[in-house]
């Protein structure tokens, strides 16, 4: 398993210096907490911490960095929103 940081809008990965489309070039972190601390210290706001598994059958797990990205993972995709009227 690898822990990396991904831009939530462009889907690029942070390689320590810039953003890259290649996940295998992404900077790795030892823990989710370490990745989150890095984002706070470097003022990275709109990103996701991604746990990438070496087993291709398992889906990545994503954690939001900022409150705007929390909406990306707060609601299951099958939830239907109904009008109150």
Protein backbone atom coordinates (compact mmCIF):
# COMPACT_ATOMS: atom_id res chain seq x y z
CA UNK A 1 0.00 0.00 0.00
CA UNK A 2 1.15 3.51 -0.85
CA UNK A 3 -0.08 6.76 0.73
CA UNK A 4 0.01 9.69 -1.70
CA UNK A 5 -1.60 13.11 -2.23
CA UNK A 6 -3.88 13.75 -5.22
CA UNK A 7 -5.30 17.02 -6.52
CA UNK A 8 -9.07 16.72 -6.19
CA UNK A 9 -9.84 18.73 -9.33
CA UNK A 10 -7.16 17.71 -11.82
CA UNK A 11 -6.50 14.22 -10.41
CA UNK A 12 -2.71 14.75 -10.61
CA UNK A 13 -0.43 13.41 -7.88
CA UNK A 14 2.05 15.42 -5.80
CA UNK A 15 5.64 14.33 -6.43
CA UNK A 16 7.20 16.59 -3.79
CA UNK A 17 7.99 19.42 -6.19
CA UNK A 18 4.99 19.62 -8.53
CA UNK A 19 1.93 17.71 -9.75
CA UNK A 20 2.26 14.72 -12.09
CA UNK A 21 -0.27 12.53 -13.88
CA UNK A 22 1.75 9.42 -13.01
CA UNK A 23 0.76 7.82 -9.69
CA UNK A 24 4.02 5.84 -9.57
CA UNK A 25 5.99 9.12 -9.45
CA UNK A 26 4.03 10.46 -6.47
CA UNK A 27 5.75 11.23 -3.19
CA UNK A 28 4.93 8.54 -0.61
CA UNK A 29 4.09 9.09 3.04
CA UNK A 30 4.34 6.61 5.90
CA UNK A 31 0.96 7.48 7.45
CA UNK A 32 -2.22 9.38 6.62
CA UNK A 33 -1.43 11.75 9.50
CA UNK A 34 1.99 12.50 8.00
CA UNK A 35 0.41 13.29 4.61
CA UNK A 36 -2.21 15.53 6.23
CA UNK A 37 0.46 17.40 8.22
CA UNK A 38 2.47 17.89 5.03
CA UNK A 39 -0.59 19.39 3.31
CA UNK A 40 -1.25 21.78 6.19
CA UNK A 41 2.39 22.89 6.34
CA UNK A 42 2.63 23.35 2.55
CA UNK A 43 -0.80 25.03 2.31
CA UNK A 44 -2.21 22.33 0.02
CA UNK A 45 -5.96 22.79 0.45
CA UNK A 46 -7.88 21.08 -2.33
CA UNK A 47 -6.45 17.60 -2.32
CA UNK A 48 -7.15 14.06 -1.24
CA UNK A 49 -4.94 11.66 0.67
CA UNK A 50 -5.10 8.43 -1.31
CA UNK A 51 -4.31 4.93 -0.11
CA UNK A 52 -3.31 3.00 -3.23
CA UNK A 53 -3.17 -0.77 -2.98
CA UNK A 54 -0.77 -2.93 -5.00
CA UNK A 55 -3.62 -5.39 -5.58
CA UNK A 56 -5.42 -4.01 -8.65
CA UNK A 57 -8.72 -5.55 -7.56
CA UNK A 58 -8.96 -3.27 -4.52
CA UNK A 59 -10.24 0.27 -4.89
CA UNK A 60 -8.25 3.25 -3.64
CA UNK A 61 -9.36 4.85 -0.38
CA UNK A 62 -9.51 8.65 -0.35
CA UNK A 63 -9.52 11.10 2.57
CA UNK A 64 -10.28 14.80 2.08
CA UNK A 65 -7.80 17.47 3.14
CA UNK A 66 -10.03 20.51 3.38
CA UNK A 67 -13.67 21.14 4.15
CA UNK A 68 -14.55 21.73 0.48
CA UNK A 69 -13.32 18.25 -0.46
CA UNK A 70 -15.21 16.64 2.42
CA UNK A 71 -18.30 16.83 0.21
CA UNK A 72 -16.62 14.46 -2.24
CA UNK A 73 -16.64 11.61 0.25
CA UNK A 74 -19.44 12.52 2.63
CA UNK A 75 -22.35 11.14 0.61
CA UNK A 76 -22.55 7.68 -0.94
CA UNK A 77 -23.04 7.88 -4.73
CA UNK A 78 -26.33 5.99 -4.47
CA UNK A 79 -27.96 8.58 -2.21
CA UNK A 80 -30.84 10.38 -3.92
CA UNK A 81 -31.54 13.97 -2.98
CA UNK A 82 -35.22 14.81 -2.91
CA UNK A 83 -36.78 18.22 -3.02
CA UNK A 84 -38.54 19.37 0.15
CA UNK A 85 -41.35 20.99 -1.88
